[in-house]
Protein backbone atom coordinates (compact mmCIF):
# COMPACT_ATOMS: atom_id res chain seq x y z
CA MET A 1 9.29 -91.15 78.58
CA LYS A 2 9.10 -88.86 75.62
CA LYS A 3 12.50 -87.50 76.53
CA ARG A 4 13.96 -91.00 76.47
CA TYR A 5 12.58 -91.75 73.02
CA PHE A 6 13.83 -88.41 71.79
CA ILE A 7 17.34 -89.04 73.16
CA LEU A 8 17.38 -92.57 71.72
CA LEU A 9 16.23 -91.20 68.37
CA VAL A 10 19.00 -88.57 68.35
CA LEU A 11 21.62 -91.16 69.30
CA ALA A 12 20.41 -93.57 66.61
CA LEU A 13 20.58 -90.86 63.98
CA SER A 14 24.06 -89.81 65.05
CA PHE A 15 25.36 -93.41 64.87
CA ALA A 16 23.73 -93.90 61.48
CA SER A 17 25.30 -90.72 60.13
CA GLN A 18 28.74 -91.77 61.39
CA GLU A 19 28.34 -95.09 59.64
CA VAL A 20 27.49 -93.37 56.36
CA TYR A 21 30.45 -90.99 56.64
CA GLY A 22 32.75 -93.88 57.45
CA GLN A 23 31.82 -95.78 54.30
CA TYR A 24 31.50 -93.00 51.80
CA GLY A 25 33.42 -90.12 53.29
CA ASN A 26 32.14 -86.65 53.80
CA PRO A 27 29.71 -85.90 50.95
CA TYR A 28 30.66 -82.21 51.09
CA GLN A 29 34.32 -82.86 50.45
CA ARG A 30 35.75 -83.47 47.02
CA GLN A 31 36.15 -87.14 46.22
CA GLY A 32 39.72 -88.35 46.02
CA GLN A 33 40.92 -89.00 42.50
CA ARG A 34 43.54 -91.41 41.34
CA ARG A 35 46.88 -89.80 41.08
CA SER A 36 48.51 -90.35 37.77
CA HIS A 37 52.23 -90.88 37.32
CA ARG A 38 54.12 -87.67 36.81
CA PRO A 39 57.45 -88.08 35.03
CA THR A 40 60.46 -86.34 36.50
CA PRO A 41 61.22 -83.01 34.87
CA MET A 42 63.84 -83.01 32.14
CA GLN A 43 67.15 -81.51 33.13
CA ASN A 44 68.74 -78.93 30.93
CA THR A 45 71.90 -80.62 29.68
CA GLN A 46 73.10 -77.69 27.59
CA ASN A 47 74.79 -75.93 30.47
CA SER A 48 75.98 -79.01 32.34
CA ILE A 49 79.11 -79.97 30.39
CA GLU A 50 81.81 -81.66 32.39
CA LEU A 51 85.21 -80.05 32.27
CA LYS A 52 88.01 -82.42 31.37
CA ASN A 53 91.52 -82.33 32.73
CA PRO A 54 93.64 -80.98 29.84
CA HIS A 55 96.73 -82.96 30.87
CA GLU A 56 94.89 -86.29 30.91
CA SER A 57 93.23 -85.61 27.56
CA MET A 58 96.54 -84.48 26.11
CA THR A 59 98.35 -87.67 27.19
CA ILE A 60 95.68 -89.88 25.62
CA VAL A 61 95.73 -88.03 22.29
CA LEU A 62 99.52 -87.65 22.27
CA SER A 63 100.15 -91.35 22.87
CA LYS A 64 97.95 -92.29 19.92
CA CYS A 65 99.56 -89.63 17.71
CA VAL A 66 103.07 -90.89 18.52
CA GLU A 67 102.03 -94.43 17.60
CA ALA A 68 100.23 -93.42 14.39
CA PHE A 69 102.65 -90.83 13.02
CA LYS A 70 105.96 -91.99 14.59
CA LEU A 71 106.86 -88.55 15.92
CA ASP A 72 110.31 -87.59 17.21
CA ASP A 73 110.83 -85.76 20.50
CA PHE A 74 110.77 -82.27 18.97
CA GLU A 75 107.47 -82.85 17.13
CA LYS A 76 106.07 -84.54 20.22
CA GLU A 77 106.75 -81.47 22.40
CA ILE A 78 105.24 -79.08 19.87
CA ILE A 79 102.06 -81.17 19.53
CA LYS A 80 101.94 -81.46 23.31
CA GLY A 81 101.86 -77.66 23.62
CA LEU A 82 99.23 -77.33 20.89
CA LEU A 83 97.00 -79.94 22.52
CA LEU A 84 97.28 -78.32 25.96
CA LYS A 85 96.39 -74.94 24.50
CA ARG A 86 93.40 -76.46 22.67
CA PHE A 87 91.99 -78.36 25.67
CA GLU A 88 92.44 -75.41 28.05
CA SER A 89 90.65 -73.03 25.69
CA GLN A 90 87.83 -75.57 25.26
CA ASN A 91 87.46 -75.76 29.04
CA VAL A 92 87.18 -71.98 29.20
CA ILE A 93 84.32 -72.10 26.71
CA PHE A 94 82.59 -74.97 28.52
CA ALA A 95 82.88 -73.16 31.86
CA ASP A 96 81.19 -70.04 30.46
CA GLU A 97 77.51 -70.48 31.37
CA ASP A 98 76.35 -67.18 29.92
CA GLY A 99 76.74 -68.12 26.26
CA ASN A 100 74.17 -70.18 24.42
CA LEU A 101 74.79 -73.35 22.47
CA GLU A 102 75.27 -71.70 19.07
CA GLU A 103 77.91 -69.29 20.38
CA ARG A 104 79.79 -72.14 22.01
CA LYS A 105 79.79 -74.15 18.79
CA LYS A 106 81.17 -71.20 16.84
CA LYS A 107 83.94 -70.65 19.37
CA LEU A 108 84.83 -74.36 19.40
CA LEU A 109 85.02 -74.39 15.60
CA GLU A 110 87.34 -71.39 15.68
CA ILE A 111 89.59 -73.15 18.18
CA ASP A 112 89.68 -76.26 16.00
CA LYS A 113 90.51 -74.23 12.88
CA VAL A 114 93.44 -72.56 14.64
CA PHE A 115 94.61 -75.90 16.03
CA TYR A 116 94.57 -77.64 12.64
CA LYS A 117 96.27 -74.64 11.02
CA ASP A 118 99.11 -74.92 13.56
CA LEU A 119 99.17 -78.70 13.19
CA VAL A 120 99.82 -78.40 9.45
CA SER A 121 103.17 -76.74 10.25
CA ILE A 122 104.33 -80.01 11.89
CA LEU A 123 102.40 -82.77 10.11
CA THR A 124 101.54 -83.23 6.45
CA THR A 125 98.03 -82.55 5.20
CA GLU A 126 97.35 -86.30 4.84
CA GLU A 127 98.41 -86.84 8.45
CA VAL A 128 96.16 -83.99 9.59
CA LYS A 129 93.20 -85.56 7.75
CA GLU A 130 94.02 -88.87 9.44
CA PHE A 131 94.25 -87.05 12.80
CA LYS A 132 90.75 -85.64 12.28
CA THR A 133 89.31 -89.10 11.69
CA MET A 134 91.10 -90.79 14.60
CA ASN A 135 89.07 -92.02 17.57
CA PHE A 136 90.56 -90.78 20.85
CA SER A 137 88.00 -92.26 23.23
CA GLU A 138 89.35 -94.13 26.25
CA THR A 139 86.79 -96.91 26.23
CA LYS A 140 87.51 -100.16 24.50
CA GLU A 141 85.24 -101.21 21.73
CA GLU A 142 82.77 -103.67 23.08
CA LYS A 143 81.08 -106.20 20.89
CA LYS A 144 77.37 -105.70 20.64
CA LYS A 145 75.40 -108.60 21.97
CA LYS A 146 72.91 -110.03 19.58
CA LYS A 147 69.39 -110.33 20.82
CA LYS A 148 68.20 -113.87 21.19
CA LYS A 149 65.11 -114.69 19.26
CA LYS A 150 62.18 -115.71 21.37
CA LYS A 151 60.91 -119.13 20.48
CA ASP A 152 57.42 -120.39 21.04
CA LYS A 153 56.85 -122.51 24.12
CA LYS A 154 55.33 -125.22 21.94
CA ARG A 155 58.56 -125.66 20.00
CA LYS A 156 60.53 -126.02 23.21
CA LYS A 157 58.30 -128.89 24.27
CA GLY A 158 58.91 -130.68 20.99
CA GLU A 159 55.55 -130.11 19.33
CA PRO A 160 55.61 -128.96 15.68
């Protein structure tokens, strides 16, 4: 009889302990904490510059130059060669991943100085200044949408 009570006591304690562990977890383990949101790591955009096709860029710039400056065929061919040379040398600099940002900027400025120096031999200085200020982006200018002002719900219902 004593063995029965002992076995029943052991079984009762084991069931009670399982119930406690089920509700509260193992008291010896570390309690689970809420996981906070971790933002995605920032990507380094310095070295990831897309290379442009020099022929496509040249045709865009050349078409706008012909319209703005009314170039003849001879001037058009010379500017075409200068633009190709400029865009190809820029791609070489952009493809070089070893150099840092400051070195790239210096090299790009040198390329631009040489390009504008050669451009002065074909165009006048006023035309070169106008060329520097021209916008050669492909995208059309889109009108900015004005934000609508939020009105109170009371005013919508007709109450003052």
